[in-house]
Amino acid sequence: MRIYDSNNQAALEDLRGSNIELMIGIPNDALQNIASNQTNANSWVQNNIRNYGNVRFRYVAVGNEVNPAGSTAQFVLPAMRNILNAISAAGLGN
């Protein structure tokens, strides 16, 4: 299952204990914030993954159909790095 916007807490609550594997997305409008600061990425992981410990997160999609020529494209790779670091620091890197 995929949730495109991590602000959908109701769906995350419904998935608790369901054993359904989930891909959760970071919306394009959040990429700059996450790319600019590791603390922001750590907070995102805490609020959207760690707070839902009994949801089976399988993947984190960083952005959605980002236009390579658009202004958001420059933030994709730094955001990916920061999210990977945050996941690893949280002990969730498996």
N, C-alpha and C. Protein backbone atom coordinates (compact mmCIF):
# COMPACT_ATOMS: atom_id res chain seq x y z
N MET A 1 0.85 -1.16 0.00
CA MET A 1 0.00 0.00 0.00
C MET A 1 0.90 1.23 0.00
N ARG A 2 0.40 2.31 -0.59
CA ARG A 2 1.17 3.55 -0.61
C ARG A 2 0.30 4.70 -0.10
N ILE A 3 0.89 5.49 0.77
CA ILE A 3 0.30 6.75 1.21
C ILE A 3 1.18 7.85 0.65
N TYR A 4 0.62 8.70 -0.19
CA TYR A 4 1.41 9.73 -0.86
C TYR A 4 1.78 10.88 0.05
N ASP A 5 0.98 11.13 1.05
CA ASP A 5 1.22 12.27 1.93
C ASP A 5 1.26 11.79 3.37
N SER A 6 2.37 12.01 4.01
CA SER A 6 2.56 11.54 5.38
C SER A 6 1.68 12.26 6.38
N ASN A 7 0.96 13.29 5.96
CA ASN A 7 0.07 14.00 6.87
C ASN A 7 -1.26 13.27 7.09
N ASN A 8 -1.37 12.07 6.58
CA ASN A 8 -2.60 11.29 6.70
C ASN A 8 -2.53 10.39 7.93
N GLN A 9 -2.59 11.00 9.11
CA GLN A 9 -2.47 10.23 10.36
C GLN A 9 -3.60 9.24 10.54
N ALA A 10 -4.79 9.54 10.02
CA ALA A 10 -5.92 8.61 10.16
C ALA A 10 -5.61 7.29 9.47
N ALA A 11 -5.03 7.34 8.29
CA ALA A 11 -4.67 6.10 7.58
C ALA A 11 -3.59 5.34 8.34
N LEU A 12 -2.62 6.07 8.87
CA LEU A 12 -1.55 5.40 9.64
C LEU A 12 -2.13 4.73 10.88
N GLU A 13 -3.04 5.39 11.55
CA GLU A 13 -3.70 4.78 12.72
C GLU A 13 -4.44 3.51 12.32
N ASP A 14 -5.14 3.56 11.18
CA ASP A 14 -5.90 2.40 10.72
C ASP A 14 -5.01 1.22 10.37
N LEU A 15 -3.77 1.49 9.99
CA LEU A 15 -2.84 0.42 9.59
C LEU A 15 -2.11 -0.21 10.77
N ARG A 16 -2.26 0.34 11.95
CA ARG A 16 -1.59 -0.24 13.12
C ARG A 16 -1.98 -1.70 13.29
N GLY A 17 -0.97 -2.55 13.38
CA GLY A 17 -1.20 -3.97 13.64
C GLY A 17 -1.78 -4.74 12.47
N SER A 18 -1.89 -4.12 11.31
CA SER A 18 -2.55 -4.77 10.17
C SER A 18 -1.65 -5.74 9.41
N ASN A 19 -0.34 -5.62 9.57
CA ASN A 19 0.63 -6.43 8.86
C ASN A 19 0.69 -6.11 7.36
N ILE A 20 0.10 -5.00 6.95
CA ILE A 20 0.17 -4.53 5.56
C ILE A 20 1.44 -3.71 5.41
N GLU A 21 2.25 -4.05 4.42
CA GLU A 21 3.47 -3.29 4.17
C GLU A 21 3.11 -1.97 3.49
N LEU A 22 3.81 -0.92 3.90
CA LEU A 22 3.44 0.43 3.49
C LEU A 22 4.62 1.18 2.90
N MET A 23 4.34 1.91 1.84
CA MET A 23 5.27 2.91 1.31
C MET A 23 4.66 4.25 1.68
N ILE A 24 5.42 5.06 2.40
CA ILE A 24 4.95 6.38 2.80
C ILE A 24 5.74 7.43 2.03
N GLY A 25 5.06 8.48 1.64
CA GLY A 25 5.70 9.50 0.82
C GLY A 25 5.93 10.80 1.56
N ILE A 26 7.01 11.44 1.19
CA ILE A 26 7.29 12.80 1.64
C ILE A 26 6.85 13.72 0.51
N PRO A 27 5.89 14.60 0.74
CA PRO A 27 5.40 15.45 -0.34
C PRO A 27 6.47 16.41 -0.85
N ASN A 28 6.34 16.78 -2.10
CA ASN A 28 7.32 17.67 -2.74
C ASN A 28 7.50 18.98 -1.98
N ASP A 29 6.42 19.48 -1.41
CA ASP A 29 6.54 20.77 -0.71
C ASP A 29 7.30 20.67 0.61
N ALA A 30 7.64 19.46 1.04
CA ALA A 30 8.43 19.28 2.26
C ALA A 30 9.91 19.01 1.97
N LEU A 31 10.26 18.83 0.71
CA LEU A 31 11.64 18.44 0.37
C LEU A 31 12.67 19.47 0.78
N GLN A 32 12.41 20.72 0.52
CA GLN A 32 13.39 21.76 0.86
C GLN A 32 13.65 21.79 2.36
N ASN A 33 12.62 21.69 3.16
CA ASN A 33 12.76 21.69 4.61
C ASN A 33 13.60 20.51 5.09
N ILE A 34 13.34 19.34 4.56
CA ILE A 34 14.06 18.14 4.98
C ILE A 34 15.49 18.15 4.45
N ALA A 35 15.68 18.67 3.25
CA ALA A 35 17.02 18.73 2.66
C ALA A 35 17.91 19.73 3.38
N SER A 36 17.32 20.76 3.93
CA SER A 36 18.11 21.86 4.50
C SER A 36 18.67 21.58 5.88
N ASN A 37 18.13 20.56 6.57
CA ASN A 37 18.52 20.40 7.97
C ASN A 37 18.29 18.96 8.41
N GLN A 38 19.32 18.32 8.95
CA GLN A 38 19.19 16.95 9.44
C GLN A 38 18.17 16.85 10.56
N THR A 39 18.09 17.86 11.39
CA THR A 39 17.11 17.85 12.48
C THR A 39 15.69 17.76 11.95
N ASN A 40 15.43 18.44 10.85
CA ASN A 40 14.09 18.36 10.24
C ASN A 40 13.79 16.96 9.75
N ALA A 41 14.79 16.31 9.16
CA ALA A 41 14.61 14.93 8.71
C ALA A 41 14.40 14.00 9.91
N ASN A 42 15.16 14.21 10.97
CA ASN A 42 14.99 13.39 12.18
C ASN A 42 13.58 13.56 12.74
N SER A 43 13.09 14.77 12.75
CA SER A 43 11.73 15.04 13.24
C SER A 43 10.69 14.36 12.36
N TRP A 44 10.90 14.42 11.04
CA TRP A 44 9.95 13.77 10.13
C TRP A 44 9.89 12.27 10.40
N VAL A 45 11.05 11.64 10.56
CA VAL A 45 11.08 10.20 10.84
C VAL A 45 10.42 9.90 12.18
N GLN A 46 10.67 10.72 13.18
CA GLN A 46 10.04 10.52 14.49
C GLN A 46 8.52 10.63 14.38
N ASN A 47 8.05 11.68 13.73
CA ASN A 47 6.61 11.96 13.68
C ASN A 47 5.83 11.04 12.76
N ASN A 48 6.48 10.53 11.73
CA ASN A 48 5.75 9.79 10.71
C ASN A 48 6.08 8.31 10.64
N ILE A 49 7.15 7.89 11.30
CA ILE A 49 7.50 6.47 11.30
C ILE A 49 7.60 5.93 12.72
N ARG A 50 8.46 6.51 13.52
CA ARG A 50 8.67 5.98 14.88
C ARG A 50 7.41 6.05 15.72
N ASN A 51 6.61 7.08 15.54
CA ASN A 51 5.37 7.19 16.32
C ASN A 51 4.34 6.14 15.95
N TYR A 52 4.60 5.40 14.90
CA TYR A 52 3.70 4.34 14.44
C TYR A 52 4.46 3.02 14.42
N GLY A 53 4.94 2.62 15.58
CA GLY A 53 5.82 1.46 15.71
C GLY A 53 5.24 0.15 15.25
N ASN A 54 3.94 0.00 15.26
CA ASN A 54 3.36 -1.27 14.83
C ASN A 54 2.72 -1.17 13.44
N VAL A 55 3.21 -0.22 12.63
CA VAL A 55 2.88 -0.15 11.20
C VAL A 55 4.09 -0.68 10.45
N ARG A 56 3.87 -1.50 9.44
CA ARG A 56 4.97 -2.13 8.70
C ARG A 56 5.41 -1.25 7.54
N PHE A 57 6.29 -0.32 7.84
CA PHE A 57 6.84 0.55 6.80
C PHE A 57 7.86 -0.24 6.00
N ARG A 58 7.70 -0.21 4.69
CA ARG A 58 8.62 -0.92 3.80
C ARG A 58 9.53 0.05 3.05
N TYR A 59 8.95 1.17 2.60
CA TYR A 59 9.71 2.16 1.83
C TYR A 59 9.29 3.56 2.23
N VAL A 60 10.22 4.50 2.02
CA VAL A 60 9.93 5.92 2.13
C VAL A 60 10.22 6.53 0.76
N ALA A 61 9.20 7.11 0.14
CA ALA A 61 9.37 7.79 -1.14
C ALA A 61 9.66 9.26 -0.86
N VAL A 62 10.77 9.73 -1.34
CA VAL A 62 11.17 11.12 -1.11
C VAL A 62 10.79 11.92 -2.35
N GLY A 63 9.65 12.60 -2.26
CA GLY A 63 9.10 13.34 -3.39
C GLY A 63 8.24 12.44 -4.25
N ASN A 64 7.48 13.06 -5.14
CA ASN A 64 6.59 12.33 -6.03
C ASN A 64 6.60 13.00 -7.40
N GLU A 65 7.13 12.28 -8.37
CA GLU A 65 7.19 12.77 -9.75
C GLU A 65 7.78 14.18 -9.82
N VAL A 66 8.92 14.35 -9.20
CA VAL A 66 9.61 15.65 -9.20
C VAL A 66 10.15 15.90 -10.60
N ASN A 67 9.85 17.05 -11.12
CA ASN A 67 10.33 17.45 -12.45
C ASN A 67 11.83 17.75 -12.36
N PRO A 68 12.67 17.04 -13.12
CA PRO A 68 14.12 17.26 -13.05
C PRO A 68 14.53 18.69 -13.42
N ALA A 69 13.70 19.39 -14.17
CA ALA A 69 14.01 20.77 -14.55
C ALA A 69 13.37 21.78 -13.60
N GLY A 70 12.60 21.29 -12.64
CA GLY A 70 11.90 22.19 -11.72
C GLY A 70 12.75 22.62 -10.55
N SER A 71 12.25 23.58 -9.82
CA SER A 71 12.99 24.14 -8.68
C SER A 71 13.13 23.17 -7.51
N THR A 72 12.26 22.18 -7.43
CA THR A 72 12.29 21.23 -6.32
C THR A 72 13.36 20.16 -6.51
N ALA A 73 13.77 19.92 -7.75
CA ALA A 73 14.70 18.82 -8.05
C ALA A 73 16.00 18.90 -7.25
N GLN A 74 16.48 20.10 -7.01
CA GLN A 74 17.75 20.25 -6.30
C GLN A 74 17.70 19.75 -4.86
N PHE A 75 16.51 19.56 -4.34
CA PHE A 75 16.37 19.15 -2.93
C PHE A 75 16.19 17.63 -2.76
N VAL A 76 15.98 16.92 -3.86
CA VAL A 76 15.68 15.48 -3.75
C VAL A 76 16.85 14.71 -3.14
N LEU A 77 18.04 14.82 -3.70
CA LEU A 77 19.18 14.05 -3.20
C LEU A 77 19.55 14.42 -1.76
N PRO A 78 19.66 15.71 -1.40
CA PRO A 78 19.95 16.03 0.01
C PRO A 78 18.85 15.54 0.96
N ALA A 79 17.60 15.59 0.52
CA ALA A 79 16.51 15.09 1.37
C ALA A 79 16.63 13.59 1.54
N MET A 80 16.96 12.88 0.46
CA MET A 80 17.15 11.43 0.55
C MET A 80 18.27 11.08 1.53
N ARG A 81 19.37 11.80 1.44
CA ARG A 81 20.49 11.55 2.35
C ARG A 81 20.07 11.79 3.80
N ASN A 82 19.39 12.90 4.06
CA ASN A 82 18.99 13.21 5.43
C ASN A 82 17.98 12.21 5.97
N ILE A 83 17.05 11.77 5.13
CA ILE A 83 16.08 10.76 5.58
C ILE A 83 16.78 9.44 5.84
N LEU A 84 17.70 9.04 4.99
CA LEU A 84 18.46 7.80 5.22
C LEU A 84 19.23 7.89 6.53
N ASN A 85 19.88 9.03 6.78
CA ASN A 85 20.61 9.21 8.05
C ASN A 85 19.66 9.15 9.24
N ALA A 86 18.49 9.75 9.10
CA ALA A 86 17.52 9.76 10.21
C ALA A 86 17.00 8.36 10.48
N ILE A 87 16.74 7.60 9.42
CA ILE A 87 16.26 6.22 9.58
C ILE A 87 17.33 5.38 10.25
N SER A 88 18.57 5.54 9.82
CA SER A 88 19.68 4.77 10.42
C SER A 88 19.88 5.15 11.88
N ALA A 89 19.85 6.46 12.18
CA ALA A 89 20.03 6.92 13.56
C ALA A 89 18.92 6.43 14.47
N ALA A 90 17.73 6.22 13.90
CA ALA A 90 16.60 5.74 14.69
C ALA A 90 16.63 4.21 14.86
N GLY A 91 17.64 3.56 14.25
CA GLY A 91 17.72 2.11 14.35
C GLY A 91 16.73 1.38 13.49
N LEU A 92 16.28 2.04 12.42
CA LEU A 92 15.25 1.45 11.57
C LEU A 92 15.78 1.09 10.18
N GLY A 93 17.07 1.03 10.01
CA GLY A 93 17.68 0.89 8.70
C GLY A 93 17.66 -0.48 8.07
N ASN A 94 16.88 -1.40 8.56
CA ASN A 94 16.87 -2.75 7.98
C ASN A 94 15.92 -2.85 6.83
